[in-house]
């Protein structure tokens, strides 16, 4: 039953996103794993459309925050509004209290405002003037950002990046996909409303099933060695954190579940490592000057570890 629903979810999102099946699967995997996703790419490739397509396919509350240089932390978290007539305060929750939150162009706002998302992303709660409000589950932040060399951007701090389970790139469509996009745009199907496929209770059931997916002891050691390799690469100043171990395990379980398995295989770990680890690595100044990327260092770490052969 769940697998059929997940296939319907994939097909529903593909009505608006053409030729990016791997990115769609990664986004659904993060949803099942209870993680947050950062979409980084040049303007116009469909980052916001992808996030909204997922939100529209889920029967959950949704809010979009359009970040600008003058966006305030209270615009995200909310505030206590004073009523002079009665002398009382009214709690006005911000956009973060919704279940799916699109943080659009997150790197166009100040670091202070960026950090207003940290508590919600880690603890699934928000504190407003000393009052802590638990967020309704399931909760997911999907942030979009333009490349770091774009005009008017603020780089996300390491602590913020580490809160995102995955960092994905949508990329340009192929020529054939571009023609299909044009055709669907002209016949109007590209902008047709999407129907909700999954409810909150169904998502929570699936997340519980993901936690039950088996991870062999050999695969746990394999993950631990992968993480260690990211820390000893010569281009790495700081390798993947202990949080990365937990995130990689859960993402691998979710990928296995999405593919209809109740056990993790090495291919799950390798596929997830490529989107879970690169943005968590802090490279040396020499490596950055040489244009080395976190993805390249992650690839070298993967190549340095023998893939376990499970019987």
C-alpha atoms as a PDB file:
ATOM      1  CA  UNK A   1       0.000   0.000   0.000  1.00  0.00           C
ATOM      2  CA  UNK A   2       2.753   2.441   0.951  1.00  0.00           C
ATOM      3  CA  UNK A   3       4.804   1.616  -2.126  1.00  0.00           C
ATOM      4  CA  UNK A   4       1.852   2.344  -4.398  1.00  0.00           C
ATOM      5  CA  UNK A   5       1.321   5.685  -2.666  1.00  0.00           C
ATOM      6  CA  UNK A   6       4.998   6.578  -3.069  1.00  0.00           C
ATOM      7  CA  UNK A   7       4.841   5.785  -6.778  1.00  0.00           C
ATOM      8  CA  UNK A   8       1.791   8.040  -7.082  1.00  0.00           C
ATOM      9  CA  UNK A   9       3.718  10.769  -5.275  1.00  0.00           C
ATOM     10  CA  UNK A  10       6.635  10.439  -7.689  1.00  0.00           C
ATOM     11  CA  UNK A  11       4.353  10.594 -10.725  1.00  0.00           C
ATOM     12  CA  UNK A  12       2.456  13.568  -9.314  1.00  0.00           C
ATOM     13  CA  UNK A  13       5.629  15.644  -8.875  1.00  0.00           C
ATOM     14  CA  UNK A  14       6.822  14.643 -12.366  1.00  0.00           C
ATOM     15  CA  UNK A  15       3.805  16.435 -13.820  1.00  0.00           C
ATOM     16  CA  UNK A  16       5.573  19.711 -13.014  1.00  0.00           C
ATOM     17  CA  UNK A  17       9.239  18.592 -12.919  1.00  0.00           C
ATOM     18  CA  UNK A  18      10.451  16.948 -16.124  1.00  0.00           C
ATOM     19  CA  UNK A  19      13.598  14.861 -16.482  1.00  0.00           C
ATOM     20  CA  UNK A  20      14.802  15.143 -12.873  1.00  0.00           C
ATOM     21  CA  UNK A  21      13.724  11.781 -11.467  1.00  0.00           C
ATOM     22  CA  UNK A  22      16.856  11.374  -9.330  1.00  0.00           C
ATOM     23  CA  UNK A  23      16.376  14.772  -7.677  1.00  0.00           C
ATOM     24  CA  UNK A  24      12.699  13.988  -7.032  1.00  0.00           C
ATOM     25  CA  UNK A  25      13.640  10.654  -5.451  1.00  0.00           C
ATOM     26  CA  UNK A  26      16.247  12.342  -3.238  1.00  0.00           C
ATOM     27  CA  UNK A  27      13.651  14.881  -2.076  1.00  0.00           C
ATOM     28  CA  UNK A  28      11.144  12.144  -1.222  1.00  0.00           C
ATOM     29  CA  UNK A  29      13.905  10.187   0.513  1.00  0.00           C
ATOM     30  CA  UNK A  30      14.639  13.198   2.729  1.00  0.00           C
ATOM     31  CA  UNK A  31      10.925  13.488   3.553  1.00  0.00           C
ATOM     32  CA  UNK A  32      10.789   9.826   4.612  1.00  0.00           C
ATOM     33  CA  UNK A  33      13.992  10.227   6.619  1.00  0.00           C
ATOM     34  CA  UNK A  34      12.745  13.307   8.450  1.00  0.00           C
ATOM     35  CA  UNK A  35      15.444  15.530   6.976  1.00  0.00           C
ATOM     36  CA  UNK A  36      15.688  18.988   5.452  1.00  0.00           C
ATOM     37  CA  UNK A  37      16.916  19.791   1.945  1.00  0.00           C
ATOM     38  CA  UNK A  38      18.975  22.635   0.493  1.00  0.00           C
ATOM     39  CA  UNK A  39      18.530  23.227  -3.255  1.00  0.00           C
ATOM     40  CA  UNK A  40      21.402  25.211  -4.773  1.00  0.00           C
ATOM     41  CA  UNK A  41      21.547  26.160  -8.429  1.00  0.00           C
ATOM     42  CA  UNK A  42      21.410  29.066 -10.843  1.00  0.00           C
ATOM     43  CA  UNK A  43      18.108  30.987 -11.142  1.00  0.00           C
ATOM     44  CA  UNK A  44      15.363  29.601 -13.332  1.00  0.00           C
ATOM     45  CA  UNK A  45      16.063  25.848 -13.254  1.00  0.00           C
ATOM     46  CA  UNK A  46      13.037  24.964 -11.116  1.00  0.00           C
ATOM     47  CA  UNK A  47      14.231  24.953  -7.496  1.00  0.00           C
ATOM     48  CA  UNK A  48      11.146  26.690  -6.143  1.00  0.00           C
ATOM     49  CA  UNK A  49       8.860  24.774  -8.520  1.00  0.00           C
ATOM     50  CA  UNK A  50      10.273  21.481  -7.227  1.00  0.00           C
ATOM     51  CA  UNK A  51       9.732  22.467  -3.606  1.00  0.00           C
ATOM     52  CA  UNK A  52       6.166  23.629  -4.285  1.00  0.00           C
ATOM     53  CA  UNK A  53       5.396  20.480  -6.283  1.00  0.00           C
ATOM     54  CA  UNK A  54       6.301  18.360  -3.263  1.00  0.00           C
ATOM     55  CA  UNK A  55       4.327  20.611  -0.909  1.00  0.00           C
ATOM     56  CA  UNK A  56       1.270  20.550  -3.185  1.00  0.00           C
ATOM     57  CA  UNK A  57       1.474  16.738  -3.299  1.00  0.00           C
ATOM     58  CA  UNK A  58       1.202  16.467   0.490  1.00  0.00           C
ATOM     59  CA  UNK A  59      -1.894  17.175   2.567  1.00  0.00           C
ATOM     60  CA  UNK A  60       0.130  19.318   4.981  1.00  0.00           C
ATOM     61  CA  UNK A  61       0.203  22.976   5.929  1.00  0.00           C
ATOM     62  CA  UNK A  62       2.633  24.968   3.781  1.00  0.00           C
ATOM     63  CA  UNK A  63       4.314  28.361   4.028  1.00  0.00           C
ATOM     64  CA  UNK A  64       6.816  30.145   1.840  1.00  0.00           C
ATOM     65  CA  UNK A  65       9.295  32.668   3.201  1.00  0.00           C
ATOM     66  CA  UNK A  66      10.816  34.905   0.534  1.00  0.00           C
ATOM     67  CA  UNK A  67      14.118  35.916   2.098  1.00  0.00           C
ATOM     68  CA  UNK A  68      15.479  39.385   1.374  1.00  0.00           C
ATOM     69  CA  UNK A  69      18.227  41.472   3.028  1.00  0.00           C
ATOM     70  CA  UNK A  70      15.653  43.161   5.285  1.00  0.00           C
ATOM     71  CA  UNK A  71      13.855  39.976   6.430  1.00  0.00           C
ATOM     72  CA  UNK A  72      13.830  39.835  10.239  1.00  0.00           C
ATOM     73  CA  UNK A  73      14.044  36.769  12.529  1.00  0.00           C
ATOM     74  CA  UNK A  74      10.544  37.591  13.807  1.00  0.00           C
ATOM     75  CA  UNK A  75       9.244  37.242  10.242  1.00  0.00           C
ATOM     76  CA  UNK A  76      10.310  33.604  10.479  1.00  0.00           C
ATOM     77  CA  UNK A  77       9.570  32.667  14.084  1.00  0.00           C
ATOM     78  CA  UNK A  78       6.763  35.073  14.964  1.00  0.00           C
ATOM     79  CA  UNK A  79       6.287  37.647  17.722  1.00  0.00           C
ATOM     80  CA  UNK A  80       4.105  38.828  20.591  1.00  0.00           C
ATOM     81  CA  UNK A  81       1.866  41.625  19.347  1.00  0.00           C
ATOM     82  CA  UNK A  82       0.849  44.235  21.933  1.00  0.00           C
ATOM     83  CA  UNK A  83      -2.752  45.524  21.931  1.00  0.00           C
ATOM     84  CA  UNK A  84      -2.813  48.981  23.594  1.00  0.00           C
ATOM     85  CA  UNK A  85      -6.598  48.946  24.023  1.00  0.00           C
ATOM     86  CA  UNK A  86      -6.573  45.873  26.249  1.00  0.00           C
ATOM     87  CA  UNK A  87      -2.972  46.022  27.504  1.00  0.00           C
ATOM     88  CA  UNK A  88      -2.435  42.415  26.470  1.00  0.00           C
ATOM     89  CA  UNK A  89      -0.065  40.562  24.170  1.00  0.00           C
ATOM     90  CA  UNK A  90      -1.165  38.184  21.422  1.00  0.00           C
ATOM     91  CA  UNK A  91       1.177  35.472  20.185  1.00  0.00           C
ATOM     92  CA  UNK A  92       1.535  35.714  16.404  1.00  0.00           C
ATOM     93  CA  UNK A  93       3.384  32.619  15.124  1.00  0.00           C
ATOM     94  CA  UNK A  94       5.526  33.039  12.030  1.00  0.00           C
ATOM     95  CA  UNK A  95       5.754  30.950   8.899  1.00  0.00           C
ATOM     96  CA  UNK A  96       7.968  28.383  10.604  1.00  0.00           C
ATOM     97  CA  UNK A  97       4.993  26.842  12.448  1.00  0.00           C
ATOM     98  CA  UNK A  98       3.804  25.172   9.234  1.00  0.00           C
ATOM     99  CA  UNK A  99       4.698  21.581   8.310  1.00  0.00           C
ATOM    100  CA  UNK A 100       6.394  22.224   4.967  1.00  0.00           C
ATOM    101  CA  UNK A 101       8.376  25.454   4.941  1.00  0.00           C
ATOM    102  CA  UNK A 102       9.945  26.789   1.749  1.00  0.00           C
ATOM    103  CA  UNK A 103      12.848  29.087   2.661  1.00  0.00           C
ATOM    104  CA  UNK A 104      13.258  30.711  -0.728  1.00  0.00           C
ATOM    105  CA  UNK A 105      16.649  32.282  -1.533  1.00  0.00           C
ATOM    106  CA  UNK A 106      17.843  31.719   2.012  1.00  0.00           C
ATOM    107  CA  UNK A 107      21.310  33.103   1.278  1.00  0.00           C
ATOM    108  CA  UNK A 108      19.941  36.542   0.374  1.00  0.00           C
ATOM    109  CA  UNK A 109      19.152  37.333   4.004  1.00  0.00           C
ATOM    110  CA  UNK A 110      21.477  38.153   6.887  1.00  0.00           C
ATOM    111  CA  UNK A 111      23.181  35.466   9.025  1.00  0.00           C
ATOM    112  CA  UNK A 112      21.064  36.596  11.990  1.00  0.00           C
ATOM    113  CA  UNK A 113      17.858  35.807  10.123  1.00  0.00           C
ATOM    114  CA  UNK A 114      19.298  32.578   8.704  1.00  0.00           C
ATOM    115  CA  UNK A 115      20.008  31.405  12.243  1.00  0.00           C
ATOM    116  CA  UNK A 116      16.353  31.829  13.211  1.00  0.00           C
ATOM    117  CA  UNK A 117      15.734  28.491  11.472  1.00  0.00           C
ATOM    118  CA  UNK A 118      18.271  26.535  13.543  1.00  0.00           C
ATOM    119  CA  UNK A 119      16.072  25.613  16.516  1.00  0.00           C
ATOM    120  CA  UNK A 120      13.157  24.579  14.314  1.00  0.00           C
ATOM    121  CA  UNK A 121      15.333  22.425  12.048  1.00  0.00           C
ATOM    122  CA  UNK A 122      17.105  20.636  14.907  1.00  0.00           C
ATOM    123  CA  UNK A 123      14.532  20.441  17.699  1.00  0.00           C
ATOM    124  CA  UNK A 124      11.259  20.827  15.766  1.00  0.00           C
ATOM    125  CA  UNK A 125      10.210  23.657  18.064  1.00  0.00           C
ATOM    126  CA  UNK A 126      10.365  27.450  18.063  1.00  0.00           C
ATOM    127  CA  UNK A 127      10.874  29.849  20.967  1.00  0.00           C
ATOM    128  CA  UNK A 128       9.062  33.208  20.899  1.00  0.00           C
ATOM    129  CA  UNK A 129       9.821  35.590  23.775  1.00  0.00           C
ATOM    130  CA  UNK A 130      10.653  32.681  26.075  1.00  0.00           C
ATOM    131  CA  UNK A 131       7.664  30.519  25.098  1.00  0.00           C
ATOM    132  CA  UNK A 132       8.591  27.286  23.322  1.00  0.00           C
ATOM    133  CA  UNK A 133       6.091  26.024  20.758  1.00  0.00           C
ATOM    134  CA  UNK A 134       6.410  22.439  19.433  1.00  0.00           C
ATOM    135  CA  UNK A 135       5.999  22.162  15.680  1.00  0.00           C
ATOM    136  CA  UNK A 136       3.420  19.865  14.160  1.00  0.00           C
ATOM    137  CA  UNK A 137       4.788  16.689  12.607  1.00  0.00           C
ATOM    138  CA  UNK A 138       5.840  15.895   9.983  1.00  0.00           C
ATOM    139  CA  UNK A 139       8.012  19.002   9.635  1.00  0.00           C
ATOM    140  CA  UNK A 140      10.405  19.754   6.780  1.00  0.00           C
ATOM    141  CA  UNK A 141      12.351  22.784   5.596  1.00  0.00           C
ATOM    142  CA  UNK A 142      13.194  23.046   1.898  1.00  0.00           C
ATOM    143  CA  UNK A 143      15.569  25.936   1.268  1.00  0.00           C
ATOM    144  CA  UNK A 144      16.702  27.301  -2.074  1.00  0.00           C
ATOM    145  CA  UNK A 145      19.798  29.349  -2.699  1.00  0.00           C
ATOM    146  CA  UNK A 146      21.696  30.824  -5.606  1.00  0.00           C
ATOM    147  CA  UNK A 147      25.380  29.966  -6.093  1.00  0.00           C
ATOM    148  CA  UNK A 148      27.750  31.557  -3.599  1.00  0.00           C
ATOM    149  CA  UNK A 149      29.342  33.770  -6.240  1.00  0.00           C
ATOM    150  CA  UNK A 150      25.986  35.372  -7.122  1.00  0.00           C
ATOM    151  CA  UNK A 151      25.508  39.061  -6.323  1.00  0.00           C
ATOM    152  CA  UNK A 152      23.979  39.895  -2.927  1.00  0.00           C
ATOM    153  CA  UNK A 153      24.397  36.521  -1.221  1.00  0.00           C
ATOM    154  CA  UNK A 154      25.467  35.669   2.330  1.00  0.00           C
ATOM    155  CA  UNK A 155      27.210  32.295   2.741  1.00  0.00           C
ATOM    156  CA  UNK A 156      25.443  29.889   5.080  1.00  0.00           C
ATOM    157  CA  UNK A 157      27.499  29.100   8.214  1.00  0.00           C
ATOM    158  CA  UNK A 158      28.703  25.539   8.808  1.00  0.00           C
ATOM    159  CA  UNK A 159      26.225  25.050  11.680  1.00  0.00           C
ATOM    160  CA  UNK A 160      23.348  25.893   9.327  1.00  0.00           C
ATOM    161  CA  UNK A 161      24.613  23.674   6.508  1.00  0.00           C
ATOM    162  CA  UNK A 162      24.980  20.751   8.900  1.00  0.00           C
ATOM    163  CA  UNK A 163      21.245  20.946   9.692  1.00  0.00           C
ATOM    164  CA  UNK A 164      20.376  20.072   6.086  1.00  0.00           C
ATOM    165  CA  UNK A 165      20.270  16.348   5.410  1.00  0.00           C
ATOM    166  CA  UNK A 166      20.957  16.854   1.705  1.00  0.00           C
ATOM    167  CA  UNK A 167      22.215  19.504  -0.635  1.00  0.00           C
ATOM    168  CA  UNK A 168      20.894  18.987  -4.161  1.00  0.00           C
ATOM    169  CA  UNK A 169      21.360  20.622  -7.541  1.00  0.00           C
ATOM    170  CA  UNK A 170      18.533  20.577 -10.072  1.00  0.00           C
ATOM    171  CA  UNK A 171      20.665  21.318 -13.135  1.00  0.00           C
ATOM    172  CA  UNK A 172      19.699  22.274 -16.655  1.00  0.00           C
ATOM    173  CA  UNK A 173      17.263  20.004 -18.534  1.00  0.00           C
ATOM    174  CA  UNK A 174      18.343  18.083 -21.610  1.00  0.00           C
ATOM    175  CA  UNK A 175      17.255  19.243 -25.073  1.00  0.00           C
ATOM    176  CA  UNK A 176      14.512  16.613 -25.179  1.00  0.00           C
ATOM    177  CA  UNK A 177      13.283  17.563 -21.713  1.00  0.00           C
ATOM    178  CA  UNK A 178      13.335  21.247 -22.692  1.00  0.00           C
ATOM    179  CA  UNK A 179      11.050  20.488 -25.635  1.00  0.00           C
ATOM    180  CA  UNK A 180       8.669  18.587 -23.349  1.00  0.00           C
ATOM    181  CA  UNK A 181       8.656  21.488 -20.878  1.00  0.00           C
ATOM    182  CA  UNK A 182       7.788  23.857 -23.721  1.00  0.00           C
ATOM    183  CA  UNK A 183       4.995  21.580 -24.931  1.00  0.00           C
ATOM    184  CA  UNK A 184       3.461  21.225 -21.485  1.00  0.00           C
ATOM    185  CA  UNK A 185       3.712  24.978 -20.977  1.00  0.00           C
ATOM    186  CA  UNK A 186       1.840  25.652 -24.215  1.00  0.00           C
ATOM    187  CA  UNK A 187      -0.957  23.162 -23.516  1.00  0.00           C
ATOM    188  CA  UNK A 188      -1.317  24.380 -19.929  1.00  0.00           C
ATOM    189  CA  UNK A 189      -0.564  21.078 -18.217  1.00  0.00           C
ATOM    190  CA  UNK A 190       2.625  22.441 -16.633  1.00  0.00           C
ATOM    191  CA  UNK A 191       0.624  24.761 -14.388  1.00  0.00           C
ATOM    192  CA  UNK A 192      -2.320  22.511 -13.566  1.00  0.00           C
ATOM    193  CA  UNK A 193      -2.885  22.172  -9.795  1.00  0.00           C
ATOM    194  CA  UNK A 194      -1.443  19.040  -8.197  1.00  0.00           C
ATOM    195  CA  UNK A 195      -3.636  16.910  -5.971  1.00  0.00           C
ATOM    196  CA  UNK A 196      -2.478  15.832  -2.500  1.00  0.00           C
ATOM    197  CA  UNK A 197      -1.266  12.231  -2.445  1.00  0.00           C
ATOM    198  CA  UNK A 198      -0.112  11.650   1.135  1.00  0.00           C
ATOM    199  CA  UNK A 199      -1.635  12.693   4.455  1.00  0.00           C
ATOM    200  CA  UNK A 200       0.282  13.480   7.634  1.00  0.00           C
ATOM    201  CA  UNK A 201      -0.639  10.141   9.220  1.00  0.00           C
ATOM    202  CA  UNK A 202       0.537   8.215   6.151  1.00  0.00           C
ATOM    203  CA  UNK A 203       3.871  10.038   6.141  1.00  0.00           C
ATOM    204  CA  UNK A 204       4.374   9.353   9.843  1.00  0.00           C
ATOM    205  CA  UNK A 205       3.580   5.662   9.289  1.00  0.00           C
ATOM    206  CA  UNK A 206       6.156   5.533   6.497  1.00  0.00           C
ATOM    207  CA  UNK A 207       8.761   7.266   8.661  1.00  0.00           C
ATOM    208  CA  UNK A 208       8.224   4.619  11.339  1.00  0.00           C
ATOM    209  CA  UNK A 209       8.699   1.904   8.719  1.00  0.00           C
ATOM    210  CA  UNK A 210      11.934   3.568   7.581  1.00  0.00           C
ATOM    211  CA  UNK A 211      13.298   3.309  11.128  1.00  0.00           C
ATOM    212  CA  UNK A 212      12.726  -0.459  11.000  1.00  0.00           C
ATOM    213  CA  UNK A 213      14.805  -0.998   7.840  1.00  0.00           C
ATOM    214  CA  UNK A 214      17.704  -3.296   8.758  1.00  0.00           C
ATOM    215  CA  UNK A 215      21.311  -2.058   8.646  1.00  0.00           C
ATOM    216  CA  UNK A 216      23.887  -4.875   8.802  1.00  0.00           C
ATOM    217  CA  UNK A 217      26.816  -4.529  11.223  1.00  0.00           C
ATOM    218  CA  UNK A 218      29.226  -4.574   8.274  1.00  0.00           C
ATOM    219  CA  UNK A 219      27.399  -1.619   6.756  1.00  0.00           C
ATOM    220  CA  UNK A 220      27.612   0.320  10.000  1.00  0.00           C
ATOM    221  CA  UNK A 221      31.373  -0.199   9.988  1.00  0.00           C
ATOM    222  CA  UNK A 222      31.435   0.816   6.337  1.00  0.00           C
ATOM    223  CA  UNK A 223      29.656   4.081   7.167  1.00  0.00           C
ATOM    224  CA  UNK A 224      32.004   4.758  10.084  1.00  0.00           C
ATOM    225  CA  UNK A 225      35.031   4.259   7.829  1.00  0.00           C
ATOM    226  CA  UNK A 226      33.557   6.537   5.154  1.00  0.00           C
ATOM    227  CA  UNK A 227      33.132   9.272   7.722  1.00  0.00           C
ATOM    228  CA  UNK A 228      36.682   8.753   9.002  1.00  0.00           C
ATOM    229  CA  UNK A 229      38.041   9.023   5.476  1.00  0.00           C
ATOM    230  CA  UNK A 230      36.415  12.441   5.016  1.00  0.00           C
ATOM    231  CA  UNK A 231      38.393  13.644   8.037  1.00  0.00           C
ATOM    232  CA  UNK A 232      41.823  12.458   6.872  1.00  0.00           C
ATOM    233  CA  UNK A 233      41.701  13.643   3.264  1.00  0.00           C
ATOM    234  CA  UNK A 234      44.495  16.213   2.693  1.00  0.00           C
ATOM    235  CA  UNK A 235      42.023  18.794   1.337  1.00  0.00           C
ATOM    236  CA  UNK A 236      39.818  18.594   4.435  1.00  0.00           C
ATOM    237  CA  UNK A 237      40.070  21.005   7.328  1.00  0.00           C
ATOM    238  CA  UNK A 238      37.038  19.581   9.111  1.00  0.00           C
ATOM    239  CA  UNK A 239      35.457  16.307   8.053  1.00  0.00           C
ATOM    240  CA  UNK A 240      31.919  15.034   8.481  1.00  0.00           C
ATOM    241  CA  UNK A 241      30.451  15.403  11.970  1.00  0.00           C
ATOM    242  CA  UNK A 242      28.946  12.671  14.165  1.00  0.00           C
ATOM    243  CA  UNK A 243      25.551  14.000  13.064  1.00  0.00           C
ATOM    244  CA  UNK A 244      26.552  13.005   9.526  1.00  0.00           C
ATOM    245  CA  UNK A 245      26.820   9.368  10.635  1.00  0.00           C
ATOM    246  CA  UNK A 246      23.244   9.353  11.896  1.00  0.00           C
ATOM    247  CA  UNK A 247      21.944  11.271   8.895  1.00  0.00           C
ATOM    248  CA  UNK A 248      23.674   8.936   6.436  1.00  0.00           C
ATOM    249  CA  UNK A 249      22.215   5.873   8.162  1.00  0.00           C
ATOM    250  CA  UNK A 250      18.695   7.273   8.136  1.00  0.00           C
ATOM    251  CA  UNK A 251      18.931   8.477   4.532  1.00  0.00           C
ATOM    252  CA  UNK A 252      20.178   5.039   3.443  1.00  0.00           C
ATOM    253  CA  UNK A 253      17.258   3.397   5.244  1.00  0.00           C
ATOM    254  CA  UNK A 254      14.828   5.768   3.539  1.00  0.00           C
ATOM    255  CA  UNK A 255      16.323   5.086   0.107  1.00  0.00           C
ATOM    256  CA  UNK A 256      16.002   1.341   0.672  1.00  0.00           C
ATOM    257  CA  UNK A 257      12.385   1.780   1.768  1.00  0.00           C
ATOM    258  CA  UNK A 258      11.578   3.941  -1.264  1.00  0.00           C
ATOM    259  CA  UNK A 259      12.891   1.142  -3.462  1.00  0.00           C
ATOM    260  CA  UNK A 260      10.743  -1.436  -1.698  1.00  0.00           C
ATOM    261  CA  UNK A 261      13.386  -3.108   0.474  1.00  0.00           C
ATOM    262  CA  UNK A 262      13.456  -3.681   4.240  1.00  0.00           C
ATOM    263  CA  UNK A 263      17.254  -3.778   4.368  1.00  0.00           C
ATOM    264  CA  UNK A 264      20.062  -1.433   3.353  1.00  0.00           C
ATOM    265  CA  UNK A 265      22.625  -2.383   0.712  1.00  0.00           C
ATOM    266  CA  UNK A 266      25.994  -0.707   0.018  1.00  0.00           C
ATOM    267  CA  UNK A 267      24.574   1.070  -3.027  1.00  0.00           C
ATOM    268  CA  UNK A 268      22.126   2.921  -0.753  1.00  0.00           C
ATOM    269  CA  UNK A 269      24.987   4.238   1.369  1.00  0.00           C
ATOM    270  CA  UNK A 270      27.115   5.261  -1.613  1.00  0.00           C
ATOM    271  CA  UNK A 271      24.215   7.056  -3.326  1.00  0.00           C
ATOM    272  CA  UNK A 272      23.265   8.913  -0.153  1.00  0.00           C
ATOM    273  CA  UNK A 273      26.855   9.778   0.787  1.00  0.00           C
ATOM    274  CA  UNK A 274      27.118  11.790  -2.430  1.00  0.00           C
ATOM    275  CA  UNK A 275      24.307  14.145  -1.360  1.00  0.00           C
ATOM    276  CA  UNK A 276      24.625  13.942   2.432  1.00  0.00           C
ATOM    277  CA  UNK A 277      28.366  14.521   2.966  1.00  0.00           C
ATOM    278  CA  UNK A 278      29.822  17.117   0.517  1.00  0.00           C
ATOM    279  CA  UNK A 279      28.207  20.228   2.011  1.00  0.00           C
ATOM    280  CA  UNK A 280      29.309  19.181   5.507  1.00  0.00           C
ATOM    281  CA  UNK A 281      33.020  19.227   4.682  1.00  0.00           C
ATOM    282  CA  UNK A 282      35.098  22.304   5.432  1.00  0.00           C
ATOM    283  CA  UNK A 283      38.025  22.403   3.019  1.00  0.00           C
ATOM    284  CA  UNK A 284      41.427  23.989   3.504  1.00  0.00           C
ATOM    285  CA  UNK A 285      42.177  27.373   1.992  1.00  0.00           C
ATOM    286  CA  UNK A 286      44.589  25.725  -0.447  1.00  0.00           C
ATOM    287  CA  UNK A 287      41.907  23.292  -1.597  1.00  0.00           C
ATOM    288  CA  UNK A 288      39.397  26.102  -2.139  1.00  0.00           C
ATOM    289  CA  UNK A 289      41.954  28.077  -4.139  1.00  0.00           C
ATOM    290  CA  UNK A 290      42.562  24.978  -6.252  1.00  0.00           C
ATOM    291  CA  UNK A 291      38.774  24.770  -6.885  1.00  0.00           C
ATOM    292  CA  UNK A 292      38.482  21.434  -5.090  1.00  0.00           C
ATOM    293  CA  UNK A 293      34.880  20.678  -4.123  1.00  0.00           C
ATOM    294  CA  UNK A 294      33.288  18.749  -1.294  1.00  0.00           C
ATOM    295  CA  UNK A 295      31.844  16.364  -3.863  1.00  0.00           C
ATOM    296  CA  UNK A 296      35.335  15.524  -5.120  1.00  0.00           C
ATOM    297  CA  UNK A 297      36.632  14.895  -1.604  1.00  0.00           C
ATOM    298  CA  UNK A 298      33.595  12.718  -0.859  1.00  0.00           C
ATOM    299  CA  UNK A 299      34.262  10.738  -4.034  1.00  0.00           C
ATOM    300  CA  UNK A 300      37.848  10.117  -2.959  1.00  0.00           C
ATOM    301  CA  UNK A 301      36.695   8.996   0.478  1.00  0.00           C
ATOM    302  CA  UNK A 302      34.243   6.554  -1.117  1.00  0.00           C
ATOM    303  CA  UNK A 303      36.963   5.196  -3.413  1.00  0.00           C
ATOM    304  CA  UNK A 304      39.302   4.695  -0.443  1.00  0.00           C
ATOM    305  CA  UNK A 305      36.947   2.355   1.423  1.00  0.00           C
ATOM    306  CA  UNK A 306      36.359  -1.230   0.369  1.00  0.00           C
ATOM    307  CA  UNK A 307      32.703  -1.950  -0.289  1.00  0.00           C
ATOM    308  CA  UNK A 308      31.582  -4.792   1.976  1.00  0.00           C
ATOM    309  CA  UNK A 309      30.346  -7.964   0.339  1.00  0.00           C
ATOM    310  CA  UNK A 310      27.373  -9.180   2.317  1.00  0.00           C
ATOM    311  CA  UNK A 311      26.431 -12.848   2.200  1.00  0.00           C
END
